[in-house]
C-alpha atoms as a PDB file:
ATOM      1  CA  MET A   1      17.254 -81.973 -29.234  1.00  0.00           C
ATOM      2  CA  THR A   2      16.312 -79.603 -31.530  1.00  0.00           C
ATOM      3  CA  HIS A   3      15.555 -76.624 -29.779  1.00  0.00           C
ATOM      4  CA  ILE A   4      19.667 -77.197 -28.267  1.00  0.00           C
ATOM      5  CA  LEU A   5      20.189 -77.620 -31.423  1.00  0.00           C
ATOM      6  CA  LYS A   6      18.676 -74.532 -32.978  1.00  0.00           C
ATOM      7  CA  THR A   7      19.896 -72.086 -29.878  1.00  0.00           C
ATOM      8  CA  THR A   8      23.503 -73.324 -30.101  1.00  0.00           C
ATOM      9  CA  LYS A   9      23.955 -72.485 -33.689  1.00  0.00           C
ATOM     10  CA  TRP A  10      22.870 -69.079 -33.561  1.00  0.00           C
ATOM     11  CA  ALA A  11      24.947 -68.488 -30.635  1.00  0.00           C
ATOM     12  CA  VAL A  12      27.593 -69.625 -31.966  1.00  0.00           C
ATOM     13  CA  LEU A  13      26.525 -67.398 -34.760  1.00  0.00           C
ATOM     14  CA  ALA A  14      26.123 -64.334 -32.906  1.00  0.00           C
ATOM     15  CA  LEU A  15      29.560 -64.297 -30.631  1.00  0.00           C
ATOM     16  CA  SER A  16      32.488 -65.686 -32.801  1.00  0.00           C
ATOM     17  CA  LEU A  17      31.515 -66.213 -36.122  1.00  0.00           C
ATOM     18  CA  GLY A  18      29.372 -63.626 -37.118  1.00  0.00           C
ATOM     19  CA  LEU A  19      25.946 -62.997 -39.384  1.00  0.00           C
ATOM     20  CA  MET A  20      27.415 -60.962 -42.134  1.00  0.00           C
ATOM     21  CA  ALA A  21      27.749 -62.687 -46.221  1.00  0.00           C
ATOM     22  CA  ALA A  22      30.518 -59.948 -46.181  1.00  0.00           C
ATOM     23  CA  CYS A  23      31.898 -57.186 -44.007  1.00  0.00           C
ATOM     24  CA  SER A  24      34.770 -54.277 -44.533  1.00  0.00           C
ATOM     25  CA  ASP A  25      36.622 -51.713 -41.866  1.00  0.00           C
ATOM     26  CA  SER A  26      34.168 -48.651 -42.983  1.00  0.00           C
ATOM     27  CA  ASP A  27      31.016 -51.383 -42.700  1.00  0.00           C
ATOM     28  CA  SER A  28      30.269 -51.443 -45.843  1.00  0.00           C
ATOM     29  CA  ASP A  29      27.235 -53.854 -47.089  1.00  0.00           C
ATOM     30  CA  ASP A  30      27.816 -54.078 -50.876  1.00  0.00           C
ATOM     31  CA  SER A  31      31.143 -55.534 -51.130  1.00  0.00           C
ATOM     32  CA  ALA A  32      30.024 -58.475 -53.198  1.00  0.00           C
ATOM     33  CA  ALA A  33      28.997 -56.219 -55.709  1.00  0.00           C
ATOM     34  CA  LYS A  34      32.466 -53.900 -56.077  1.00  0.00           C
ATOM     35  CA  PRO A  35      35.314 -56.054 -58.149  1.00  0.00           C
ATOM     36  CA  SER A  36      38.662 -57.134 -56.662  1.00  0.00           C
ATOM     37  CA  ALA A  37      41.471 -54.750 -57.011  1.00  0.00           C
ATOM     38  CA  ALA A  38      42.744 -57.062 -59.739  1.00  0.00           C
ATOM     39  CA  ASN A  39      39.578 -56.656 -62.011  1.00  0.00           C
ATOM     40  CA  ASN A  40      39.501 -53.928 -63.553  1.00  0.00           C
ATOM     41  CA  PRO A  41      43.039 -52.295 -62.933  1.00  0.00           C
ATOM     42  CA  PRO A  42      44.772 -49.343 -65.171  1.00  0.00           C
ATOM     43  CA  ALA A  43      46.667 -50.688 -67.945  1.00  0.00           C
ATOM     44  CA  ALA A  44      50.311 -52.794 -66.727  1.00  0.00           C
ATOM     45  CA  GLN A  45      49.393 -51.879 -62.707  1.00  0.00           C
ATOM     46  CA  SER A  46      49.515 -55.377 -60.873  1.00  0.00           C
ATOM     47  CA  THR A  47      47.527 -56.098 -58.209  1.00  0.00           C
ATOM     48  CA  LEU A  48      49.316 -54.548 -55.075  1.00  0.00           C
ATOM     49  CA  GLU A  49      50.083 -51.096 -57.405  1.00  0.00           C
ATOM     50  CA  ALA A  50      46.351 -50.905 -58.130  1.00  0.00           C
ATOM     51  CA  ALA A  51      45.464 -51.859 -54.126  1.00  0.00           C
ATOM     52  CA  LYS A  52      48.128 -49.579 -53.081  1.00  0.00           C
ATOM     53  CA  ALA A  53      46.292 -46.692 -55.661  1.00  0.00           C
ATOM     54  CA  ALA A  54      42.576 -47.438 -53.497  1.00  0.00           C
ATOM     55  CA  GLY A  55      43.545 -47.646 -50.349  1.00  0.00           C
ATOM     56  CA  THR A  56      41.897 -51.153 -49.208  1.00  0.00           C
ATOM     57  CA  ILE A  57      42.088 -54.914 -50.999  1.00  0.00           C
ATOM     58  CA  ARG A  58      39.649 -57.132 -50.444  1.00  0.00           C
ATOM     59  CA  ILE A  59      40.683 -60.372 -48.384  1.00  0.00           C
ATOM     60  CA  GLY A  60      38.334 -64.096 -48.463  1.00  0.00           C
ATOM     61  CA  TYR A  61      38.062 -65.704 -45.247  1.00  0.00           C
ATOM     62  CA  ALA A  62      35.392 -68.534 -44.032  1.00  0.00           C
ATOM     63  CA  ASN A  63      34.073 -67.146 -40.985  1.00  0.00           C
ATOM     64  CA  GLU A  64      36.090 -69.500 -39.311  1.00  0.00           C
ATOM     65  CA  ALA A  65      37.653 -68.214 -35.440  1.00  0.00           C
ATOM     66  CA  PRO A  66      39.828 -67.660 -34.169  1.00  0.00           C
ATOM     67  CA  TYR A  67      41.698 -67.134 -37.912  1.00  0.00           C
ATOM     68  CA  ALA A  68      38.902 -65.128 -39.682  1.00  0.00           C
ATOM     69  CA  TYR A  69      35.371 -64.394 -38.261  1.00  0.00           C
ATOM     70  CA  MET A  70      33.134 -61.429 -37.926  1.00  0.00           C
ATOM     71  CA  ASP A  71      32.379 -59.822 -34.430  1.00  0.00           C
ATOM     72  CA  SER A  72      29.019 -59.399 -33.843  1.00  0.00           C
ATOM     73  CA  ASN A  73      29.575 -56.908 -31.100  1.00  0.00           C
ATOM     74  CA  SER A  74      31.905 -54.509 -33.328  1.00  0.00           C
ATOM     75  CA  ASN A  75      30.654 -55.737 -37.173  1.00  0.00           C
ATOM     76  CA  ARG A  76      33.948 -55.888 -37.858  1.00  0.00           C
ATOM     77  CA  ILE A  77      35.953 -58.943 -39.475  1.00  0.00           C
ATOM     78  CA  THR A  78      38.686 -60.296 -36.910  1.00  0.00           C
ATOM     79  CA  GLY A  79      41.058 -62.763 -36.256  1.00  0.00           C
ATOM     80  CA  GLU A  80      44.514 -63.511 -36.559  1.00  0.00           C
ATOM     81  CA  ALA A  81      44.822 -63.305 -40.001  1.00  0.00           C
ATOM     82  CA  VAL A  82      42.745 -60.649 -40.365  1.00  0.00           C
ATOM     83  CA  GLU A  83      44.510 -58.735 -38.007  1.00  0.00           C
ATOM     84  CA  ILE A  84      48.034 -59.886 -39.236  1.00  0.00           C
ATOM     85  CA  ALA A  85      47.275 -57.980 -43.111  1.00  0.00           C
ATOM     86  CA  ARG A  86      46.010 -54.985 -41.284  1.00  0.00           C
ATOM     87  CA  VAL A  87      48.863 -54.228 -40.053  1.00  0.00           C
ATOM     88  CA  VAL A  88      51.081 -56.482 -42.453  1.00  0.00           C
ATOM     89  CA  LEU A  89      49.412 -54.576 -45.500  1.00  0.00           C
ATOM     90  CA  LYS A  90      49.151 -50.907 -43.480  1.00  0.00           C
ATOM     91  CA  ARG A  91      53.315 -51.287 -44.065  1.00  0.00           C
ATOM     92  CA  MET A  92      52.230 -51.570 -47.586  1.00  0.00           C
ATOM     93  CA  GLY A  93      50.682 -48.862 -47.813  1.00  0.00           C
ATOM     94  CA  ILE A  94      46.909 -50.500 -48.032  1.00  0.00           C
ATOM     95  CA  ASN A  95      44.990 -48.982 -45.603  1.00  0.00           C
ATOM     96  CA  GLU A  96      42.132 -50.964 -45.278  1.00  0.00           C
ATOM     97  CA  VAL A  97      41.044 -54.574 -46.087  1.00  0.00           C
ATOM     98  CA  GLU A  98      37.346 -55.452 -46.827  1.00  0.00           C
ATOM     99  CA  GLY A  99      36.054 -58.823 -46.598  1.00  0.00           C
ATOM    100  CA  VAL A 100      34.092 -61.538 -48.423  1.00  0.00           C
ATOM    101  CA  LEU A 101      32.676 -64.082 -46.755  1.00  0.00           C
ATOM    102  CA  THR A 102      32.868 -67.803 -48.414  1.00  0.00           C
ATOM    103  CA  GLU A 103      32.870 -71.559 -48.024  1.00  0.00           C
ATOM    104  CA  PHE A 104      35.772 -72.570 -46.945  1.00  0.00           C
ATOM    105  CA  GLY A 105      35.623 -74.734 -50.144  1.00  0.00           C
ATOM    106  CA  SER A 106      35.143 -71.842 -52.645  1.00  0.00           C
ATOM    107  CA  LEU A 107      37.905 -69.834 -51.117  1.00  0.00           C
ATOM    108  CA  ILE A 108      40.727 -70.900 -53.643  1.00  0.00           C
ATOM    109  CA  PRO A 109      38.023 -71.005 -56.294  1.00  0.00           C
ATOM    110  CA  GLY A 110      36.652 -67.397 -55.463  1.00  0.00           C
ATOM    111  CA  LEU A 111      40.227 -66.192 -55.605  1.00  0.00           C
ATOM    112  CA  GLN A 112      41.194 -67.063 -58.787  1.00  0.00           C
ATOM    113  CA  ALA A 113      37.974 -65.884 -60.069  1.00  0.00           C
ATOM    114  CA  LYS A 114      39.635 -62.316 -58.397  1.00  0.00           C
ATOM    115  CA  ARG A 115      36.112 -62.234 -56.365  1.00  0.00           C
ATOM    116  CA  PHE A 116      38.787 -60.929 -54.030  1.00  0.00           C
ATOM    117  CA  ASP A 117      42.838 -60.688 -54.140  1.00  0.00           C
ATOM    118  CA  ILE A 118      43.956 -62.095 -50.736  1.00  0.00           C
ATOM    119  CA  ILE A 119      42.732 -65.857 -48.558  1.00  0.00           C
ATOM    120  CA  ALA A 120      43.149 -64.563 -45.024  1.00  0.00           C
ATOM    121  CA  ALA A 121      41.554 -67.361 -43.404  1.00  0.00           C
ATOM    122  CA  GLY A 122      43.990 -69.560 -41.632  1.00  0.00           C
ATOM    123  CA  MET A 123      44.485 -71.316 -44.736  1.00  0.00           C
ATOM    124  CA  TYR A 124      47.362 -74.380 -44.066  1.00  0.00           C
ATOM    125  CA  VAL A 125      50.065 -74.689 -46.917  1.00  0.00           C
ATOM    126  CA  THR A 126      49.907 -78.264 -49.290  1.00  0.00           C
ATOM    127  CA  PRO A 127      52.030 -79.493 -51.732  1.00  0.00           C
ATOM    128  CA  GLU A 128      47.936 -79.575 -53.712  1.00  0.00           C
ATOM    129  CA  ARG A 129      46.962 -76.008 -52.850  1.00  0.00           C
ATOM    130  CA  CYS A 130      50.648 -74.640 -53.856  1.00  0.00           C
ATOM    131  CA  GLN A 131      49.841 -76.160 -57.267  1.00  0.00           C
ATOM    132  CA  GLN A 132      46.684 -73.577 -57.283  1.00  0.00           C
ATOM    133  CA  ALA A 133      47.420 -70.223 -55.614  1.00  0.00           C
ATOM    134  CA  ALA A 134      50.852 -68.885 -53.609  1.00  0.00           C
ATOM    135  CA  PHE A 135      51.051 -68.439 -50.757  1.00  0.00           C
ATOM    136  CA  SER A 136      52.964 -66.822 -48.278  1.00  0.00           C
ATOM    137  CA  ASN A 137      55.281 -67.795 -45.431  1.00  0.00           C
ATOM    138  CA  PRO A 138      53.088 -69.108 -42.856  1.00  0.00           C
ATOM    139  CA  THR A 139      51.882 -66.870 -39.614  1.00  0.00           C
ATOM    140  CA  TYR A 140      51.297 -70.662 -37.405  1.00  0.00           C
ATOM    141  CA  GLY A 141      51.910 -73.632 -37.222  1.00  0.00           C
ATOM    142  CA  VAL A 142      49.200 -76.285 -34.947  1.00  0.00           C
ATOM    143  CA  GLY A 143      48.338 -79.830 -34.249  1.00  0.00           C
ATOM    144  CA  GLU A 144      44.973 -81.248 -34.481  1.00  0.00           C
ATOM    145  CA  SER A 145      42.002 -81.936 -32.216  1.00  0.00           C
ATOM    146  CA  PHE A 146      38.817 -83.438 -32.304  1.00  0.00           C
ATOM    147  CA  LEU A 147      34.799 -82.055 -30.803  1.00  0.00           C
ATOM    148  CA  VAL A 148      32.975 -85.020 -29.466  1.00  0.00           C
ATOM    149  CA  GLN A 149      29.785 -85.687 -27.110  1.00  0.00           C
ATOM    150  CA  LYS A 150      30.443 -85.279 -23.402  1.00  0.00           C
ATOM    151  CA  GLY A 151      32.387 -87.806 -21.977  1.00  0.00           C
ATOM    152  CA  ASN A 152      33.770 -89.044 -25.603  1.00  0.00           C
ATOM    153  CA  PRO A 153      31.673 -91.812 -25.651  1.00  0.00           C
ATOM    154  CA  LYS A 154      33.031 -93.651 -28.039  1.00  0.00           C
ATOM    155  CA  LYS A 155      36.778 -92.715 -27.061  1.00  0.00           C
ATOM    156  CA  LEU A 156      38.259 -90.627 -29.898  1.00  0.00           C
ATOM    157  CA  HIS A 157      41.300 -89.145 -29.176  1.00  0.00           C
ATOM    158  CA  SER A 158      42.504 -89.926 -32.674  1.00  0.00           C
ATOM    159  CA  TYR A 159      42.273 -90.739 -36.168  1.00  0.00           C
ATOM    160  CA  GLU A 160      43.586 -94.396 -35.308  1.00  0.00           C
ATOM    161  CA  ASP A 161      40.191 -95.027 -32.870  1.00  0.00           C
ATOM    162  CA  LEU A 162      38.130 -93.611 -35.876  1.00  0.00           C
ATOM    163  CA  VAL A 163      39.795 -96.123 -38.195  1.00  0.00           C
ATOM    164  CA  LYS A 164      38.998 -99.494 -35.496  1.00  0.00           C
ATOM    165  CA  GLN A 165      35.915 -98.716 -34.562  1.00  0.00           C
ATOM    166  CA  ASP A 166      33.251 -99.451 -37.580  1.00  0.00           C
ATOM    167  CA  ASP A 167      30.199 -97.561 -36.446  1.00  0.00           C
ATOM    168  CA  THR A 168      31.251 -93.917 -35.660  1.00  0.00           C
ATOM    169  CA  LYS A 169      31.548 -91.026 -38.094  1.00  0.00           C
ATOM    170  CA  LEU A 170      34.498 -88.465 -38.384  1.00  0.00           C
ATOM    171  CA  GLY A 171      32.859 -84.759 -39.445  1.00  0.00           C
ATOM    172  CA  VAL A 172      34.803 -82.324 -41.727  1.00  0.00           C
ATOM    173  CA  VAL A 173      34.537 -78.891 -43.220  1.00  0.00           C
ATOM    174  CA  VAL A 174      34.160 -78.652 -47.289  1.00  0.00           C
ATOM    175  CA  GLY A 175      37.548 -78.257 -48.103  1.00  0.00           C
ATOM    176  CA  ALA A 176      38.946 -79.257 -45.110  1.00  0.00           C
ATOM    177  CA  ILE A 177      42.298 -80.233 -45.220  1.00  0.00           C
ATOM    178  CA  GLN A 178      41.028 -82.651 -42.416  1.00  0.00           C
ATOM    179  CA  SER A 179      39.195 -84.635 -45.390  1.00  0.00           C
ATOM    180  CA  GLU A 180      41.936 -85.652 -46.441  1.00  0.00           C
ATOM    181  CA  TYR A 181      43.720 -86.830 -43.475  1.00  0.00           C
ATOM    182  CA  ALA A 182      40.598 -88.986 -43.210  1.00  0.00           C
ATOM    183  CA  ARG A 183      40.998 -90.932 -47.089  1.00  0.00           C
ATOM    184  CA  LYS A 184      45.193 -91.147 -46.064  1.00  0.00           C
ATOM    185  CA  MET A 185      44.287 -92.745 -42.879  1.00  0.00           C
ATOM    186  CA  ASP A 186      41.900 -95.498 -44.592  1.00  0.00           C
ATOM    187  CA  ILE A 187      38.482 -94.382 -43.146  1.00  0.00           C
ATOM    188  CA  PRO A 188      36.020 -95.127 -45.696  1.00  0.00           C
ATOM    189  CA  LEU A 189      34.337 -92.452 -47.706  1.00  0.00           C
ATOM    190  CA  ASP A 190      31.243 -93.778 -46.089  1.00  0.00           C
ATOM    191  CA  ARG A 191      32.142 -92.926 -42.857  1.00  0.00           C
ATOM    192  CA  VAL A 192      32.921 -89.012 -43.278  1.00  0.00           C
ATOM    193  CA  VAL A 193      30.461 -86.363 -43.403  1.00  0.00           C
ATOM    194  CA  VAL A 194      31.138 -82.739 -44.810  1.00  0.00           C
ATOM    195  CA  PHE A 195      29.706 -80.411 -43.249  1.00  0.00           C
ATOM    196  CA  PRO A 196      28.985 -76.694 -45.188  1.00  0.00           C
ATOM    197  CA  ASP A 197      30.846 -74.544 -41.951  1.00  0.00           C
ATOM    198  CA  VAL A 198      31.783 -75.298 -38.395  1.00  0.00           C
ATOM    199  CA  VAL A 199      28.548 -74.349 -37.114  1.00  0.00           C
ATOM    200  CA  SER A 200      26.483 -76.682 -39.272  1.00  0.00           C
ATOM    201  CA  ALA A 201      29.920 -79.365 -37.964  1.00  0.00           C
ATOM    202  CA  LEU A 202      29.275 -78.826 -33.934  1.00  0.00           C
ATOM    203  CA  SER A 203      25.313 -79.368 -34.401  1.00  0.00           C
ATOM    204  CA  GLY A 204      26.033 -82.252 -36.057  1.00  0.00           C
ATOM    205  CA  VAL A 205      28.167 -83.471 -33.734  1.00  0.00           C
ATOM    206  CA  GLN A 206      25.178 -82.797 -31.284  1.00  0.00           C
ATOM    207  CA  ALA A 207      22.794 -84.410 -33.302  1.00  0.00           C
ATOM    208  CA  GLY A 208      24.785 -87.799 -33.872  1.00  0.00           C
ATOM    209  CA  ARG A 209      25.293 -87.485 -37.539  1.00  0.00           C
ATOM    210  CA  ALA A 210      29.266 -87.150 -36.669  1.00  0.00           C
ATOM    211  CA  ASP A 211      30.746 -88.915 -33.868  1.00  0.00           C
ATOM    212  CA  ALA A 212      33.403 -86.150 -33.506  1.00  0.00           C
ATOM    213  CA  TYR A 213      34.353 -83.073 -35.468  1.00  0.00           C
ATOM    214  CA  ALA A 214      38.048 -82.716 -36.615  1.00  0.00           C
ATOM    215  CA  ALA A 215      39.516 -79.939 -36.836  1.00  0.00           C
ATOM    216  CA  THR A 216      43.178 -77.569 -35.880  1.00  0.00           C
ATOM    217  CA  ALA A 217      43.455 -77.680 -32.177  1.00  0.00           C
ATOM    218  CA  MET A 218      43.101 -74.011 -32.472  1.00  0.00           C
ATOM    219  CA  THR A 219      39.524 -74.271 -33.732  1.00  0.00           C
ATOM    220  CA  ILE A 220      38.350 -76.311 -31.800  1.00  0.00           C
ATOM    221  CA  ASN A 221      39.491 -74.830 -28.213  1.00  0.00           C
ATOM    222  CA  ASP A 222      37.556 -71.647 -29.742  1.00  0.00           C
ATOM    223  CA  LEU A 223      34.537 -73.183 -30.315  1.00  0.00           C
ATOM    224  CA  MET A 224      35.154 -74.434 -26.341  1.00  0.00           C
ATOM    225  CA  ASN A 225      35.209 -71.046 -24.817  1.00  0.00           C
ATOM    226  CA  LYS A 226      33.029 -69.204 -27.426  1.00  0.00           C
ATOM    227  CA  THR A 227      29.993 -71.683 -27.252  1.00  0.00           C
ATOM    228  CA  ALA A 228      27.631 -72.636 -24.053  1.00  0.00           C
ATOM    229  CA  ALA A 229      27.315 -76.438 -25.992  1.00  0.00           C
ATOM    230  CA  GLY A 230      27.740 -77.786 -22.519  1.00  0.00           C
ATOM    231  CA  ASP A 231      26.731 -81.612 -24.283  1.00  0.00           C
ATOM    232  CA  LEU A 232      30.164 -81.678 -26.295  1.00  0.00           C
ATOM    233  CA  GLU A 233      33.737 -81.297 -25.338  1.00  0.00           C
ATOM    234  CA  LYS A 234      37.543 -81.093 -26.529  1.00  0.00           C
ATOM    235  CA  ALA A 235      39.033 -84.991 -26.895  1.00  0.00           C
ATOM    236  CA  GLU A 236      41.645 -85.081 -24.593  1.00  0.00           C
ATOM    237  CA  PRO A 237      44.319 -86.174 -25.103  1.00  0.00           C
ATOM    238  CA  PHE A 238      44.549 -86.437 -29.027  1.00  0.00           C
ATOM    239  CA  THR A 239      47.149 -87.370 -30.630  1.00  0.00           C
ATOM    240  CA  ASP A 240      48.251 -86.311 -34.021  1.00  0.00           C
ATOM    241  CA  PRO A 241      47.280 -88.612 -36.774  1.00  0.00           C
ATOM    242  CA  VAL A 242      50.830 -89.875 -38.932  1.00  0.00           C
ATOM    243  CA  ILE A 243      50.906 -89.465 -42.208  1.00  0.00           C
ATOM    244  CA  ASP A 244      53.474 -90.860 -44.359  1.00  0.00           C
ATOM    245  CA  GLY A 245      55.441 -91.637 -41.645  1.00  0.00           C
ATOM    246  CA  LYS A 246      55.252 -87.955 -40.087  1.00  0.00           C
ATOM    247  CA  SER A 247      53.411 -86.610 -37.256  1.00  0.00           C
ATOM    248  CA  VAL A 248      50.733 -84.284 -38.976  1.00  0.00           C
ATOM    249  CA  ARG A 249      51.586 -80.721 -37.594  1.00  0.00           C
ATOM    250  CA  GLY A 250      49.926 -77.644 -40.272  1.00  0.00           C
ATOM    251  CA  TYR A 251      51.346 -74.201 -40.713  1.00  0.00           C
ATOM    252  CA  GLY A 252      49.172 -71.496 -42.177  1.00  0.00           C
ATOM    253  CA  ALA A 253      49.278 -68.763 -44.087  1.00  0.00           C
ATOM    254  CA  PHE A 254      48.082 -66.071 -47.027  1.00  0.00           C
ATOM    255  CA  ALA A 255      47.450 -67.426 -50.259  1.00  0.00           C
ATOM    256  CA  PHE A 256      47.594 -65.102 -53.441  1.00  0.00           C
ATOM    257  CA  ARG A 257      46.848 -65.699 -56.830  1.00  0.00           C
ATOM    258  CA  LYS A 258      50.061 -67.402 -59.083  1.00  0.00           C
ATOM    259  CA  ASP A 259      50.565 -64.065 -61.138  1.00  0.00           C
ATOM    260  CA  ASP A 260      50.780 -62.124 -58.119  1.00  0.00           C
ATOM    261  CA  GLN A 261      54.304 -63.530 -57.288  1.00  0.00           C
ATOM    262  CA  ALA A 262      55.677 -59.737 -56.836  1.00  0.00           C
ATOM    263  CA  PHE A 263      52.911 -59.058 -54.533  1.00  0.00           C
ATOM    264  CA  VAL A 264      53.528 -62.016 -52.251  1.00  0.00           C
ATOM    265  CA  ASP A 265      57.816 -61.478 -52.801  1.00  0.00           C
ATOM    266  CA  ALA A 266      56.574 -58.013 -50.579  1.00  0.00           C
ATOM    267  CA  PHE A 267      54.270 -59.242 -48.712  1.00  0.00           C
ATOM    268  CA  ASN A 268      56.714 -61.629 -47.399  1.00  0.00           C
ATOM    269  CA  ALA A 269      59.410 -59.214 -46.664  1.00  0.00           C
ATOM    270  CA  GLU A 270      57.239 -56.918 -44.132  1.00  0.00           C
ATOM    271  CA  LEU A 271      55.732 -60.983 -42.504  1.00  0.00           C
ATOM    272  CA  ALA A 272      59.798 -61.751 -41.411  1.00  0.00           C
ATOM    273  CA  LYS A 273      59.641 -58.137 -39.436  1.00  0.00           C
ATOM    274  CA  PHE A 274      56.654 -58.654 -37.719  1.00  0.00           C
ATOM    275  CA  ILE A 275      56.245 -62.175 -37.112  1.00  0.00           C
ATOM    276  CA  GLY A 276      57.745 -63.246 -33.513  1.00  0.00           C
ATOM    277  CA  THR A 277      57.748 -59.512 -32.422  1.00  0.00           C
ATOM    278  CA  GLU A 278      56.422 -58.154 -29.103  1.00  0.00           C
ATOM    279  CA  GLU A 279      53.567 -56.645 -31.661  1.00  0.00           C
ATOM    280  CA  HIS A 280      52.910 -59.783 -33.258  1.00  0.00           C
ATOM    281  CA  ALA A 281      52.469 -61.442 -30.115  1.00  0.00           C
ATOM    282  CA  LYS A 282      49.761 -58.395 -28.557  1.00  0.00           C
ATOM    283  CA  ILE A 283      47.974 -59.155 -31.191  1.00  0.00           C
ATOM    284  CA  VAL A 284      47.128 -62.503 -31.680  1.00  0.00           C
ATOM    285  CA  GLU A 285      47.067 -63.399 -28.192  1.00  0.00           C
ATOM    286  CA  PRO A 286      43.069 -62.263 -27.974  1.00  0.00           C
ATOM    287  CA  PHE A 287      43.193 -65.526 -30.480  1.00  0.00           C
ATOM    288  CA  GLY A 288      44.240 -67.876 -28.222  1.00  0.00           C
ATOM    289  CA  PHE A 289      48.209 -67.862 -29.744  1.00  0.00           C
ATOM    290  CA  THR A 290      51.170 -68.075 -27.801  1.00  0.00           C
ATOM    291  CA  LYS A 291      54.830 -68.240 -28.875  1.00  0.00           C
ATOM    292  CA  ALA A 292      53.735 -72.314 -28.722  1.00  0.00           C
ATOM    293  CA  GLU A 293      52.388 -72.005 -31.951  1.00  0.00           C
ATOM    294  CA  LEU A 294      55.250 -69.846 -33.924  1.00  0.00           C
ATOM    295  CA  PRO A 295      56.259 -71.479 -37.556  1.00  0.00           C
ATOM    296  CA  GLY A 296      59.842 -70.998 -36.801  1.00  0.00           C
ATOM    297  CA  ASP A 297      61.819 -71.538 -39.770  1.00  0.00           C
ATOM    298  CA  VAL A 298      59.040 -73.158 -41.870  1.00  0.00           C
ATOM    299  CA  THR A 299      58.725 -71.357 -45.157  1.00  0.00           C
ATOM    300  CA  ALA A 300      55.955 -71.425 -47.543  1.00  0.00           C
ATOM    301  CA  ALA A 301      58.542 -73.080 -50.534  1.00  0.00           C
ATOM    302  CA  LYS A 302      59.366 -76.165 -48.017  1.00  0.00           C
ATOM    303  CA  LEU A 303      56.176 -76.832 -47.233  1.00  0.00           C
ATOM    304  CA  CYS A 304      55.478 -76.669 -51.473  1.00  0.00           C
ATOM    305  CA  ALA A 305      57.817 -79.423 -52.004  1.00  0.00           C
ATOM    306  CA  GLY A 306      56.124 -81.062 -48.612  1.00  0.00           C
ATOM    307  CA  GLU A 307      58.580 -80.812 -45.629  1.00  0.00           C
ATOM    308  CA  PRO A 308      57.812 -81.261 -43.657  1.00  0.00           C
ATOM    309  CA  ALA A 309      54.160 -82.852 -43.162  1.00  0.00           C
ATOM    310  CA  ALA A 310      52.211 -80.288 -44.519  1.00  0.00           C
ATOM    311  CA  GLY A 311      48.587 -80.198 -43.264  1.00  0.00           C
ATOM    312  CA  LYS A 312      42.396 -76.962 -42.545  1.00  0.00           C
END
């Protein structure tokens, strides 16, 4: 089992989640040492103005496919969020992005500390996060899923199934919304296993440390498509959690610092021209996104206000 765990873990890293701590379009290996566009801009220059002048901007990501991850074959970060960012930012006069790998739970603190200027990680917009960061309008909406052992021995098809079985444990990634779902669904804290990243969560289910790993349906789909974890499967069918009387559907977007609202507004203006177009569909299709994941008329303002039910 140990050999299986190690082999699968490194396979995931090599195939879809990457091996590098930071990256850029120019294959720079010292991006962690550089300041973000906003760190030391000229006097009276905004983050957007500084990025335009430099022609590049730093984005924080958490190495979670299909949203943002290192492609080990091209040595380049990619994913739904990253590729959308490239298009929109280029239209705004920023031609290059540099990626800064960060644990999911540290993305907002890293943004606030100016380690990078945008979070491009498919992060859900929630009222709580809106108190700490400014969000663009969403680029997708998606439901939840579980990764379980082959055959789903505990028959886990919903958060409610976990609640009913006292001997089950749920795996979540640190900082992800799924831990909040577990709390609101009354799953005891001692039955929630927190992992630092997706790879560890996958291995944790294999080892029996958790009976299910909770993530977005897109994340679970990507794991099943890109790993050789034949001893695991996606729990099907699956029922999304119902919280405050509403079935949860999460909406992912880009996050900016609170004092960069002008940047957000300019970004949203270009984003609105792009989402739902044929160009958009072509760019995100390789990552498993279809028309079914389009956000519709949902906006960051609605999500920050808690309507509709906001979820990663």
